[in-house]
Amino acid sequence: MTRMTWMAALCGMAALAACGQTDGERALTGMAIGGAAGQVISGDPVTGALIGGAAGATCRSLGTCPNN
């Protein structure tokens, strides 16, 4: 398998694992998924982690979390 395939599989598994029950758990999950996606898409995991963490931390207040 290529590196891109492994990263796509990792992102898929992380997305299916769980979003978390608290804002902190959602932020950590968002950071992990965002960092992996940022590495694959643009080679910049830090920006992806920041965006993913912010999205995870605020999804409940925005009403976009599946387990509100």
PDB file of N, CA and C in Angstrom:
ATOM      1  N   MET A   1       0.834  -1.180   0.000  1.00  0.00           N
ATOM      2  CA  MET A   1       0.000   0.000   0.000  1.00  0.00           C
ATOM      3  C   MET A   1       0.878   1.243   0.000  1.00  0.00           C
ATOM      4  N   THR A   2       0.385   2.260  -0.663  1.00  0.00           N
ATOM      5  CA  THR A   2       1.133   3.504  -0.697  1.00  0.00           C
ATOM      6  C   THR A   2       0.875   4.316   0.572  1.00  0.00           C
ATOM      7  N   ARG A   3       1.669   5.329   0.754  1.00  0.00           N
ATOM      8  CA  ARG A   3       1.521   6.190   1.928  1.00  0.00           C
ATOM      9  C   ARG A   3       0.149   6.877   1.927  1.00  0.00           C
ATOM     10  N   MET A   4      -0.292   7.301   0.761  1.00  0.00           N
ATOM     11  CA  MET A   4      -1.581   7.973   0.645  1.00  0.00           C
ATOM     12  C   MET A   4      -2.720   7.036   1.047  1.00  0.00           C
ATOM     13  N   THR A   5      -2.629   5.781   0.665  1.00  0.00           N
ATOM     14  CA  THR A   5      -3.654   4.802   1.014  1.00  0.00           C
ATOM     15  C   THR A   5      -3.685   4.584   2.519  1.00  0.00           C
ATOM     16  N   TRP A   6      -2.510   4.473   3.136  1.00  0.00           N
ATOM     17  CA  TRP A   6      -2.446   4.297   4.586  1.00  0.00           C
ATOM     18  C   TRP A   6      -3.044   5.493   5.314  1.00  0.00           C
ATOM     19  N   MET A   7      -2.739   6.692   4.858  1.00  0.00           N
ATOM     20  CA  MET A   7      -3.258   7.885   5.508  1.00  0.00           C
ATOM     21  C   MET A   7      -4.777   7.973   5.347  1.00  0.00           C
ATOM     22  N   ALA A   8      -5.290   7.626   4.183  1.00  0.00           N
ATOM     23  CA  ALA A   8      -6.739   7.640   3.969  1.00  0.00           C
ATOM     24  C   ALA A   8      -7.417   6.620   4.881  1.00  0.00           C
ATOM     25  N   ALA A   9      -6.818   5.450   5.021  1.00  0.00           N
ATOM     26  CA  ALA A   9      -7.379   4.427   5.900  1.00  0.00           C
ATOM     27  C   ALA A   9      -7.349   4.891   7.352  1.00  0.00           C
ATOM     28  N   LEU A  10      -6.269   5.522   7.764  1.00  0.00           N
ATOM     29  CA  LEU A  10      -6.156   6.037   9.126  1.00  0.00           C
ATOM     30  C   LEU A  10      -7.210   7.104   9.401  1.00  0.00           C
ATOM     31  N   CYS A  11      -7.408   7.992   8.466  1.00  0.00           N
ATOM     32  CA  CYS A  11      -8.438   9.029   8.631  1.00  0.00           C
ATOM     33  C   CYS A  11      -9.824   8.414   8.735  1.00  0.00           C
ATOM     34  N   GLY A  12     -10.086   7.421   7.918  1.00  0.00           N
ATOM     35  CA  GLY A  12     -11.382   6.757   7.963  1.00  0.00           C
ATOM     36  C   GLY A  12     -11.621   6.063   9.284  1.00  0.00           C
ATOM     37  N   MET A  13     -10.599   5.377   9.789  1.00  0.00           N
ATOM     38  CA  MET A  13     -10.742   4.691  11.077  1.00  0.00           C
ATOM     39  C   MET A  13     -10.938   5.684  12.218  1.00  0.00           C
ATOM     40  N   ALA A  14     -10.195   6.784  12.182  1.00  0.00           N
ATOM     41  CA  ALA A  14     -10.330   7.784  13.236  1.00  0.00           C
ATOM     42  C   ALA A  14     -11.713   8.424  13.207  1.00  0.00           C
ATOM     43  N   ALA A  15     -12.233   8.649  12.017  1.00  0.00           N
ATOM     44  CA  ALA A  15     -13.561   9.251  11.902  1.00  0.00           C
ATOM     45  C   ALA A  15     -14.638   8.313  12.424  1.00  0.00           C
ATOM     46  N   LEU A  16     -14.442   7.016  12.251  1.00  0.00           N
ATOM     47  CA  LEU A  16     -15.435   6.052  12.694  1.00  0.00           C
ATOM     48  C   LEU A  16     -15.280   5.677  14.167  1.00  0.00           C
ATOM     49  N   ALA A  17     -14.155   5.995  14.776  1.00  0.00           N
ATOM     50  CA  ALA A  17     -13.893   5.575  16.158  1.00  0.00           C
ATOM     51  C   ALA A  17     -14.888   6.196  17.129  1.00  0.00           C
ATOM     52  N   ALA A  18     -15.034   7.478  17.128  1.00  0.00           N
ATOM     53  CA  ALA A  18     -15.996   8.190  17.973  1.00  0.00           C
ATOM     54  C   ALA A  18     -15.675   9.664  17.920  1.00  0.00           C
ATOM     55  N   CYS A  19     -16.680  10.465  18.082  1.00  0.00           N
ATOM     56  CA  CYS A  19     -16.458  11.913  18.116  1.00  0.00           C
ATOM     57  C   CYS A  19     -16.150  12.399  19.512  1.00  0.00           C
ATOM     58  N   GLY A  20     -16.581  11.683  20.518  1.00  0.00           N
ATOM     59  CA  GLY A  20     -16.361  12.088  21.894  1.00  0.00           C
ATOM     60  C   GLY A  20     -17.633  12.613  22.520  1.00  0.00           C
ATOM     61  N   GLN A  21     -17.652  12.636  23.827  1.00  0.00           N
ATOM     62  CA  GLN A  21     -18.824  13.090  24.563  1.00  0.00           C
ATOM     63  C   GLN A  21     -18.666  14.502  25.112  1.00  0.00           C
ATOM     64  N   THR A  22     -17.438  14.945  25.289  1.00  0.00           N
ATOM     65  CA  THR A  22     -17.207  16.289  25.825  1.00  0.00           C
ATOM     66  C   THR A  22     -16.541  17.149  24.766  1.00  0.00           C
ATOM     67  N   ASP A  23     -16.539  18.460  24.990  1.00  0.00           N
ATOM     68  CA  ASP A  23     -15.881  19.359  24.038  1.00  0.00           C
ATOM     69  C   ASP A  23     -14.389  19.063  23.930  1.00  0.00           C
ATOM     70  N   GLY A  24     -13.759  18.698  25.042  1.00  0.00           N
ATOM     71  CA  GLY A  24     -12.330  18.371  25.028  1.00  0.00           C
ATOM     72  C   GLY A  24     -12.030  17.125  24.210  1.00  0.00           C
ATOM     73  N   GLU A  25     -12.863  16.100  24.369  1.00  0.00           N
ATOM     74  CA  GLU A  25     -12.679  14.877  23.581  1.00  0.00           C
ATOM     75  C   GLU A  25     -12.885  15.154  22.110  1.00  0.00           C
ATOM     76  N   ARG A  26     -13.895  15.954  21.784  1.00  0.00           N
ATOM     77  CA  ARG A  26     -14.147  16.300  20.384  1.00  0.00           C
ATOM     78  C   ARG A  26     -12.995  17.113  19.808  1.00  0.00           C
ATOM     79  N   ALA A  27     -12.424  18.009  20.610  1.00  0.00           N
ATOM     80  CA  ALA A  27     -11.288  18.809  20.144  1.00  0.00           C
ATOM     81  C   ALA A  27     -10.085  17.922  19.854  1.00  0.00           C
ATOM     82  N   LEU A  28      -9.812  16.953  20.736  1.00  0.00           N
ATOM     83  CA  LEU A  28      -8.675  16.049  20.505  1.00  0.00           C
ATOM     84  C   LEU A  28      -8.888  15.181  19.271  1.00  0.00           C
ATOM     85  N   THR A  29     -10.113  14.675  19.106  1.00  0.00           N
ATOM     86  CA  THR A  29     -10.411  13.867  17.918  1.00  0.00           C
ATOM     87  C   THR A  29     -10.283  14.721  16.662  1.00  0.00           C
ATOM     88  N   GLY A  30     -10.809  15.938  16.712  1.00  0.00           N
ATOM     89  CA  GLY A  30     -10.696  16.842  15.567  1.00  0.00           C
ATOM     90  C   GLY A  30      -9.257  17.183  15.235  1.00  0.00           C
ATOM     91  N   MET A  31      -8.436  17.358  16.266  1.00  0.00           N
ATOM     92  CA  MET A  31      -7.015  17.649  16.027  1.00  0.00           C
ATOM     93  C   MET A  31      -6.329  16.479  15.340  1.00  0.00           C
ATOM     94  N   ALA A  32      -6.615  15.267  15.797  1.00  0.00           N
ATOM     95  CA  ALA A  32      -5.973  14.089  15.208  1.00  0.00           C
ATOM     96  C   ALA A  32      -6.394  13.901  13.762  1.00  0.00           C
ATOM     97  N   ILE A  33      -7.693  13.977  13.507  1.00  0.00           N
ATOM     98  CA  ILE A  33      -8.176  13.790  12.141  1.00  0.00           C
ATOM     99  C   ILE A  33      -7.722  14.948  11.253  1.00  0.00           C
ATOM    100  N   GLY A  34      -7.795  16.177  11.760  1.00  0.00           N
ATOM    101  CA  GLY A  34      -7.355  17.336  10.985  1.00  0.00           C
ATOM    102  C   GLY A  34      -5.872  17.308  10.676  1.00  0.00           C
ATOM    103  N   GLY A  35      -5.073  16.870  11.640  1.00  0.00           N
ATOM    104  CA  GLY A  35      -3.630  16.774  11.402  1.00  0.00           C
ATOM    105  C   GLY A  35      -3.291  15.754  10.335  1.00  0.00           C
ATOM    106  N   ALA A  36      -3.958  14.609  10.386  1.00  0.00           N
ATOM    107  CA  ALA A  36      -3.719  13.585   9.366  1.00  0.00           C
ATOM    108  C   ALA A  36      -4.188  14.064   8.004  1.00  0.00           C
ATOM    109  N   ALA A  37      -5.351  14.689   7.955  1.00  0.00           N
ATOM    110  CA  ALA A  37      -5.861  15.193   6.676  1.00  0.00           C
ATOM    111  C   ALA A  37      -4.975  16.309   6.129  1.00  0.00           C
ATOM    112  N   GLY A  38      -4.514  17.188   7.000  1.00  0.00           N
ATOM    113  CA  GLY A  38      -3.623  18.258   6.559  1.00  0.00           C
ATOM    114  C   GLY A  38      -2.318  17.733   5.993  1.00  0.00           C
ATOM    115  N   GLN A  39      -1.783  16.670   6.593  1.00  0.00           N
ATOM    116  CA  GLN A  39      -0.553  16.064   6.085  1.00  0.00           C
ATOM    117  C   GLN A  39      -0.770  15.477   4.698  1.00  0.00           C
ATOM    118  N   VAL A  40      -1.880  14.785   4.525  1.00  0.00           N
ATOM    119  CA  VAL A  40      -2.160  14.144   3.240  1.00  0.00           C
ATOM    120  C   VAL A  40      -2.458  15.184   2.163  1.00  0.00           C
ATOM    121  N   ILE A  41      -3.267  16.166   2.494  1.00  0.00           N
ATOM    122  CA  ILE A  41      -3.729  17.114   1.481  1.00  0.00           C
ATOM    123  C   ILE A  41      -2.655  18.132   1.104  1.00  0.00           C
ATOM    124  N   SER A  42      -2.023  18.740   2.118  1.00  0.00           N
ATOM    125  CA  SER A  42      -1.099  19.831   1.799  1.00  0.00           C
ATOM    126  C   SER A  42       0.289  19.674   2.402  1.00  0.00           C
ATOM    127  N   GLY A  43       0.513  18.618   3.166  1.00  0.00           N
ATOM    128  CA  GLY A  43       1.810  18.451   3.815  1.00  0.00           C
ATOM    129  C   GLY A  43       1.965  19.331   5.039  1.00  0.00           C
ATOM    130  N   ASP A  44       0.869  19.883   5.560  1.00  0.00           N
ATOM    131  CA  ASP A  44       0.902  20.785   6.706  1.00  0.00           C
ATOM    132  C   ASP A  44      -0.033  20.275   7.802  1.00  0.00           C
ATOM    133  N   PRO A  45       0.461  19.362   8.655  1.00  0.00           N
ATOM    134  CA  PRO A  45      -0.416  18.799   9.682  1.00  0.00           C
ATOM    135  C   PRO A  45      -0.792  19.784  10.786  1.00  0.00           C
ATOM    136  N   VAL A  46       0.017  20.799  11.015  1.00  0.00           N
ATOM    137  CA  VAL A  46      -0.267  21.742  12.102  1.00  0.00           C
ATOM    138  C   VAL A  46      -1.520  22.556  11.806  1.00  0.00           C
ATOM    139  N   THR A  47      -1.608  23.090  10.608  1.00  0.00           N
ATOM    140  CA  THR A  47      -2.791  23.864  10.242  1.00  0.00           C
ATOM    141  C   THR A  47      -4.036  22.985  10.265  1.00  0.00           C
ATOM    142  N   GLY A  48      -3.921  21.775   9.741  1.00  0.00           N
ATOM    143  CA  GLY A  48      -5.048  20.845   9.769  1.00  0.00           C
ATOM    144  C   GLY A  48      -5.480  20.525  11.187  1.00  0.00           C
ATOM    145  N   ALA A  49      -4.513  20.346  12.086  1.00  0.00           N
ATOM    146  CA  ALA A  49      -4.833  20.051  13.486  1.00  0.00           C
ATOM    147  C   ALA A  49      -5.514  21.234  14.164  1.00  0.00           C
ATOM    148  N   LEU A  50      -5.074  22.437  13.868  1.00  0.00           N
ATOM    149  CA  LEU A  50      -5.705  23.622  14.450  1.00  0.00           C
ATOM    150  C   LEU A  50      -7.152  23.776  13.979  1.00  0.00           C
ATOM    151  N   ILE A  51      -7.373  23.585  12.691  1.00  0.00           N
ATOM    152  CA  ILE A  51      -8.729  23.701  12.150  1.00  0.00           C
ATOM    153  C   ILE A  51      -9.614  22.585  12.696  1.00  0.00           C
ATOM    154  N   GLY A  52      -9.111  21.365  12.703  1.00  0.00           N
ATOM    155  CA  GLY A  52      -9.885  20.236  13.212  1.00  0.00           C
ATOM    156  C   GLY A  52     -10.195  20.357  14.692  1.00  0.00           C
ATOM    157  N   GLY A  53      -9.231  20.821  15.469  1.00  0.00           N
ATOM    158  CA  GLY A  53      -9.452  21.010  16.899  1.00  0.00           C
ATOM    159  C   GLY A  53     -10.494  22.084  17.179  1.00  0.00           C
ATOM    160  N   ALA A  54     -10.434  23.165  16.431  1.00  0.00           N
ATOM    161  CA  ALA A  54     -11.427  24.226  16.606  1.00  0.00           C
ATOM    162  C   ALA A  54     -12.815  23.740  16.218  1.00  0.00           C
ATOM    163  N   ALA A  55     -12.901  22.990  15.146  1.00  0.00           N
ATOM    164  CA  ALA A  55     -14.195  22.450  14.716  1.00  0.00           C
ATOM    165  C   ALA A  55     -14.745  21.478  15.758  1.00  0.00           C
ATOM    166  N   GLY A  56     -13.903  20.625  16.293  1.00  0.00           N
ATOM    167  CA  GLY A  56     -14.343  19.670  17.301  1.00  0.00           C
ATOM    168  C   GLY A  56     -14.789  20.338  18.592  1.00  0.00           C
ATOM    169  N   ALA A  57     -14.088  21.381  18.988  1.00  0.00           N
ATOM    170  CA  ALA A  57     -14.409  22.053  20.238  1.00  0.00           C
ATOM    171  C   ALA A  57     -15.695  22.859  20.153  1.00  0.00           C
ATOM    172  N   THR A  58     -16.058  23.311  18.962  1.00  0.00           N
ATOM    173  CA  THR A  58     -17.225  24.179  18.825  1.00  0.00           C
ATOM    174  C   THR A  58     -18.434  23.502  18.196  1.00  0.00           C
ATOM    175  N   CYS A  59     -18.334  22.237  17.815  1.00  0.00           N
ATOM    176  CA  CYS A  59     -19.444  21.618  17.085  1.00  0.00           C
ATOM    177  C   CYS A  59     -20.709  21.505  17.927  1.00  0.00           C
ATOM    178  N   ARG A  60     -20.587  21.281  19.219  1.00  0.00           N
ATOM    179  CA  ARG A  60     -21.788  21.165  20.063  1.00  0.00           C
ATOM    180  C   ARG A  60     -22.512  22.496  20.143  1.00  0.00           C
ATOM    181  N   SER A  61     -21.783  23.574  20.332  1.00  0.00           N
ATOM    182  CA  SER A  61     -22.424  24.881  20.438  1.00  0.00           C
ATOM    183  C   SER A  61     -23.022  25.328  19.107  1.00  0.00           C
ATOM    184  N   LEU A  62     -22.468  24.824  17.998  1.00  0.00           N
ATOM    185  CA  LEU A  62     -23.016  25.137  16.677  1.00  0.00           C
ATOM    186  C   LEU A  62     -24.143  24.198  16.264  1.00  0.00           C
ATOM    187  N   GLY A  63     -24.320  23.118  17.041  1.00  0.00           N
ATOM    188  CA  GLY A  63     -25.381  22.173  16.739  1.00  0.00           C
ATOM    189  C   GLY A  63     -25.082  21.225  15.597  1.00  0.00           C
ATOM    190  N   THR A  64     -23.793  21.016  15.294  1.00  0.00           N
ATOM    191  CA  THR A  64     -23.433  20.150  14.173  1.00  0.00           C
ATOM    192  C   THR A  64     -22.932  18.781  14.604  1.00  0.00           C
ATOM    193  N   CYS A  65     -22.811  18.520  15.898  1.00  0.00           N
ATOM    194  CA  CYS A  65     -22.356  17.224  16.374  1.00  0.00           C
ATOM    195  C   CYS A  65     -23.495  16.213  16.273  1.00  0.00           C
ATOM    196  N   PRO A  66     -23.177  14.998  15.862  1.00  0.00           N
ATOM    197  CA  PRO A  66     -24.229  14.007  15.740  1.00  0.00           C
ATOM    198  C   PRO A  66     -24.793  13.554  17.091  1.00  0.00           C
ATOM    199  N   ASN A  67     -24.032  13.705  18.165  1.00  0.00           N
ATOM    200  CA  ASN A  67     -24.504  13.248  19.484  1.00  0.00           C
ATOM    201  C   ASN A  67     -24.670  14.425  20.445  1.00  0.00           C
ATOM    202  N   ASN A  68     -25.365  15.451  20.001  1.00  0.00           N
ATOM    203  CA  ASN A  68     -25.605  16.641  20.840  1.00  0.00           C
ATOM    204  C   ASN A  68     -26.362  16.280  22.075  1.00  0.00           C
TER     205      ASN A  68
END
